[in-house]
């Protein structure tokens, strides 16, 4: 027979240590020191929390100031984009209806579509705004607007 190339694990010389199965009581210590440590760590946590809360408040104020400063620019750009879109829609309507007699662009049976009796612009709904766009593009724009 051939010899096997490994050796079996054996217990250490002198055997294993005895297994601890009795209840281990905590060592007596200074309760005042433990209480002082607890109060110290709790106090440190409370102070750190309120200091970081002040920093968060300052950052939030700064972010709000920046947002308030940029918001009119964003609104103006959105309105500019909307007006450019309506200009394009109006030009398409002019081109499409150029051979129809007595057709006036921007009216429906002689009534202005986008202005009320006070002469103010009425914001059109989603279907009116995307009437000349494919439904896939309209849904994509709607979903982008919901994310912002």
Protein backbone atom coordinates (compact mmCIF):
# COMPACT_ATOMS: atom_id res chain seq x y z
CA UNK A 1 0.00 0.00 0.00
CA UNK A 2 1.03 3.54 -0.63
CA UNK A 3 1.45 6.09 2.12
CA UNK A 4 -1.11 8.99 2.36
CA UNK A 5 0.45 12.47 1.92
CA UNK A 6 -1.29 14.26 4.79
CA UNK A 7 -1.45 14.12 8.56
CA UNK A 8 -4.55 14.23 10.66
CA UNK A 9 -5.24 17.25 12.93
CA UNK A 10 -4.72 16.33 16.55
CA UNK A 11 -5.49 18.22 19.78
CA UNK A 12 -2.74 20.47 21.06
CA UNK A 13 -0.26 18.93 23.46
CA UNK A 14 -1.82 18.91 26.94
CA UNK A 15 -5.36 19.01 25.53
CA UNK A 16 -7.88 21.80 25.02
CA UNK A 17 -8.74 24.38 27.68
CA UNK A 18 -11.81 23.66 29.81
CA UNK A 19 -15.14 24.98 28.50
CA UNK A 20 -16.60 27.91 30.45
CA UNK A 21 -20.21 27.15 31.33
CA UNK A 22 -20.67 29.10 34.57
CA UNK A 23 -22.14 32.62 34.66
CA UNK A 24 -19.46 35.30 34.53
CA UNK A 25 -20.23 38.20 36.84
CA UNK A 26 -19.06 41.69 35.80
CA UNK A 27 -16.08 43.05 37.61
CA UNK A 28 -16.95 45.73 40.10
CA UNK A 29 -16.06 49.17 38.77
CA UNK A 30 -16.54 52.81 39.51
CA UNK A 31 -20.22 53.57 38.73
CA UNK A 32 -19.55 57.31 38.95
CA UNK A 33 -16.93 57.03 36.20
CA UNK A 34 -19.35 55.12 33.97
CA UNK A 35 -22.11 57.68 34.57
CA UNK A 36 -19.71 60.55 33.88
CA UNK A 37 -18.66 58.88 30.63
CA UNK A 38 -22.28 58.41 29.59
CA UNK A 39 -23.15 62.05 30.34
CA UNK A 40 -20.00 63.24 28.57
CA UNK A 41 -20.70 61.30 25.38
CA UNK A 42 -24.37 62.31 25.40
CA UNK A 43 -23.43 65.97 25.91
CA UNK A 44 -20.90 65.79 23.09
CA UNK A 45 -23.53 64.29 20.80
CA UNK A 46 -26.12 66.97 21.64
CA UNK A 47 -23.65 69.82 21.15
CA UNK A 48 -22.45 68.34 17.85
CA UNK A 49 -26.03 67.95 16.67
CA UNK A 50 -26.95 71.56 17.36
CA UNK A 51 -23.76 72.88 15.78
CA UNK A 52 -24.33 70.87 12.62
CA UNK A 53 -27.99 71.96 12.65
CA UNK A 54 -26.82 75.58 12.52
CA UNK A 55 -24.56 74.74 9.57
CA UNK A 56 -27.44 72.93 7.80
CA UNK A 57 -29.70 75.94 8.38
CA UNK A 58 -27.09 78.30 6.91
CA UNK A 59 -26.63 76.04 3.88
CA UNK A 60 -30.40 75.83 3.40
CA UNK A 61 -30.69 79.63 3.56
CA UNK A 62 -27.89 79.96 1.03
CA UNK A 63 -29.49 77.39 -1.29
CA UNK A 64 -32.86 79.16 -1.02
CA UNK A 65 -31.23 82.51 -1.82
CA UNK A 66 -29.58 81.03 -4.88
CA UNK A 67 -32.83 79.39 -5.98
CA UNK A 68 -34.80 82.61 -5.47
CA UNK A 69 -32.20 84.50 -7.50
CA UNK A 70 -32.25 82.05 -10.42
CA UNK A 71 -35.99 81.31 -10.42
CA UNK A 72 -37.02 84.43 -12.43
CA UNK A 73 -34.40 83.60 -15.05
CA UNK A 74 -35.67 80.05 -15.36
CA UNK A 75 -39.27 81.26 -15.59
CA UNK A 76 -38.31 83.80 -18.26
CA UNK A 77 -36.48 81.13 -20.24
CA UNK A 78 -39.47 78.80 -19.99
CA UNK A 79 -41.79 81.58 -21.18
CA UNK A 80 -39.40 82.41 -24.01
CA UNK A 81 -39.37 78.77 -25.06
CA UNK A 82 -43.17 78.66 -24.90
CA UNK A 83 -43.49 81.79 -27.04
CA UNK A 84 -41.04 80.40 -29.60
CA UNK A 85 -43.14 77.23 -29.73
CA UNK A 86 -46.36 79.21 -30.27
CA UNK A 87 -44.65 81.27 -32.94
CA UNK A 88 -43.70 78.05 -34.75
CA UNK A 89 -47.27 76.70 -34.37
CA UNK A 90 -48.69 79.98 -35.70
CA UNK A 91 -46.34 79.89 -38.70
CA UNK A 92 -47.38 76.30 -39.42
CA UNK A 93 -51.03 77.31 -39.20
CA UNK A 94 -50.43 80.22 -41.59
CA UNK A 95 -48.73 77.89 -44.05
CA UNK A 96 -51.41 75.22 -43.74
CA UNK A 97 -54.42 77.55 -44.03
CA UNK A 98 -53.06 80.05 -46.59
CA UNK A 99 -55.54 78.86 -49.27
CA UNK A 100 -58.63 79.04 -47.02
CA UNK A 101 -60.57 82.28 -47.58
CA UNK A 102 -61.40 84.48 -44.56
CA UNK A 103 -59.15 82.46 -42.27
CA UNK A 104 -57.58 84.43 -39.45
CA UNK A 105 -54.73 82.77 -37.56
CA UNK A 106 -55.19 82.31 -33.82
CA UNK A 107 -58.98 82.37 -33.88
CA UNK A 108 -61.69 79.76 -33.83
CA UNK A 109 -64.74 80.94 -35.78
CA UNK A 110 -63.63 84.54 -35.27
CA UNK A 111 -63.07 84.23 -31.50
CA UNK A 112 -59.48 84.63 -30.22
CA UNK A 113 -58.25 81.34 -28.81
CA UNK A 114 -55.53 82.45 -26.42
CA UNK A 115 -56.95 85.70 -25.02
CA UNK A 116 -59.90 86.24 -22.72
CA UNK A 117 -62.19 89.28 -22.42
CA UNK A 118 -59.63 91.12 -20.29
CA UNK A 119 -57.01 90.66 -23.02
CA UNK A 120 -54.76 88.50 -20.87
CA UNK A 121 -52.88 85.49 -22.13
CA UNK A 122 -54.41 82.20 -21.02
CA UNK A 123 -51.93 79.41 -20.47
CA UNK A 124 -52.96 76.56 -22.80
CA UNK A 125 -53.37 73.04 -21.49
CA UNK A 126 -51.10 70.13 -22.31
CA UNK A 127 -53.11 68.85 -25.29
CA UNK A 128 -53.20 72.29 -26.94
CA UNK A 129 -49.50 72.88 -26.41
CA UNK A 130 -48.46 69.56 -27.93
CA UNK A 131 -51.13 69.35 -30.64
CA UNK A 132 -48.54 69.52 -33.48
CA UNK A 133 -46.04 67.11 -31.91
CA UNK A 134 -45.93 63.32 -31.98
CA UNK A 135 -47.45 61.65 -28.94
CA UNK A 136 -44.13 60.02 -28.07
CA UNK A 137 -42.41 63.41 -27.88
CA UNK A 138 -45.30 64.89 -25.88
CA UNK A 139 -45.15 62.10 -23.31
CA UNK A 140 -41.39 62.48 -23.02
CA UNK A 141 -41.71 66.24 -22.42
CA UNK A 142 -44.48 65.68 -19.86
CA UNK A 143 -42.35 63.18 -17.96
CA UNK A 144 -39.35 65.54 -18.01
CA UNK A 145 -41.53 68.35 -16.65
CA UNK A 146 -42.75 66.12 -13.80
CA UNK A 147 -39.19 65.29 -12.76
CA UNK A 148 -38.31 68.97 -12.33
